[in-house]
């Protein structure tokens, strides 16, 4: 038997929903600021000013700047999964899936280069700085590398890539392409960085598809 909601609980529910909406709005703006200024450039003061809130109002949703930075990383990862990984998983296992993952990743990197890729800029900021932010960032990158490694291994299993291909070595090479893409598109303002990156990826696949007897 259903029961009517307790009228006394409705204000608490509304307050919770409003708090969640405010937190989401803060994180969205924080992602924009972090893309422009880096995670280290993200400050409670700048965020409060942009949100037209007090610093204490922002602190009510995030206990520290570190908590805010981690929230930004998690939001970035969620968007990356939605835009890059999830669509690629619709492709059949094997080379088609790996190609879809890389196509989405290259497009996303080129798009992010207009501001900055939070993962790439974050790596430069936190590569030698131990702490929770670095740990979260490393965990996210490793998770993505595992997905790439799995896709490569599946392409090996289907015979579309040579049996002697080392998946982690190929992941290393693919990361190199993405890093150069970001570098050339952002720092060098190279308008042909994306097509060059796509051609580099095709060359890597062509080399990986050769059988051991033909190398």
Foldseek 3Di string as FASTA:
>chain_A
DDDDDDPVCVVVVVVVVVLVVVLVVLLVVQLVVCLAQNLVRRDLVVSCVVVVHDSVVNCVNPVDSLSSSLSNVVVLLVVCCVQAVPVLVVDDQAPSSLVSNLVSLLVVLLVSLVRHRNLVRVCVVPVPPDDDSVVSSVVSVVVVLVVQLRSHVRNCVVLQFEVPDDSSVLSVVLVVLSVVLSCCCRVVVDPCSSVVSVVSNVVSSVVRNDYPVVD
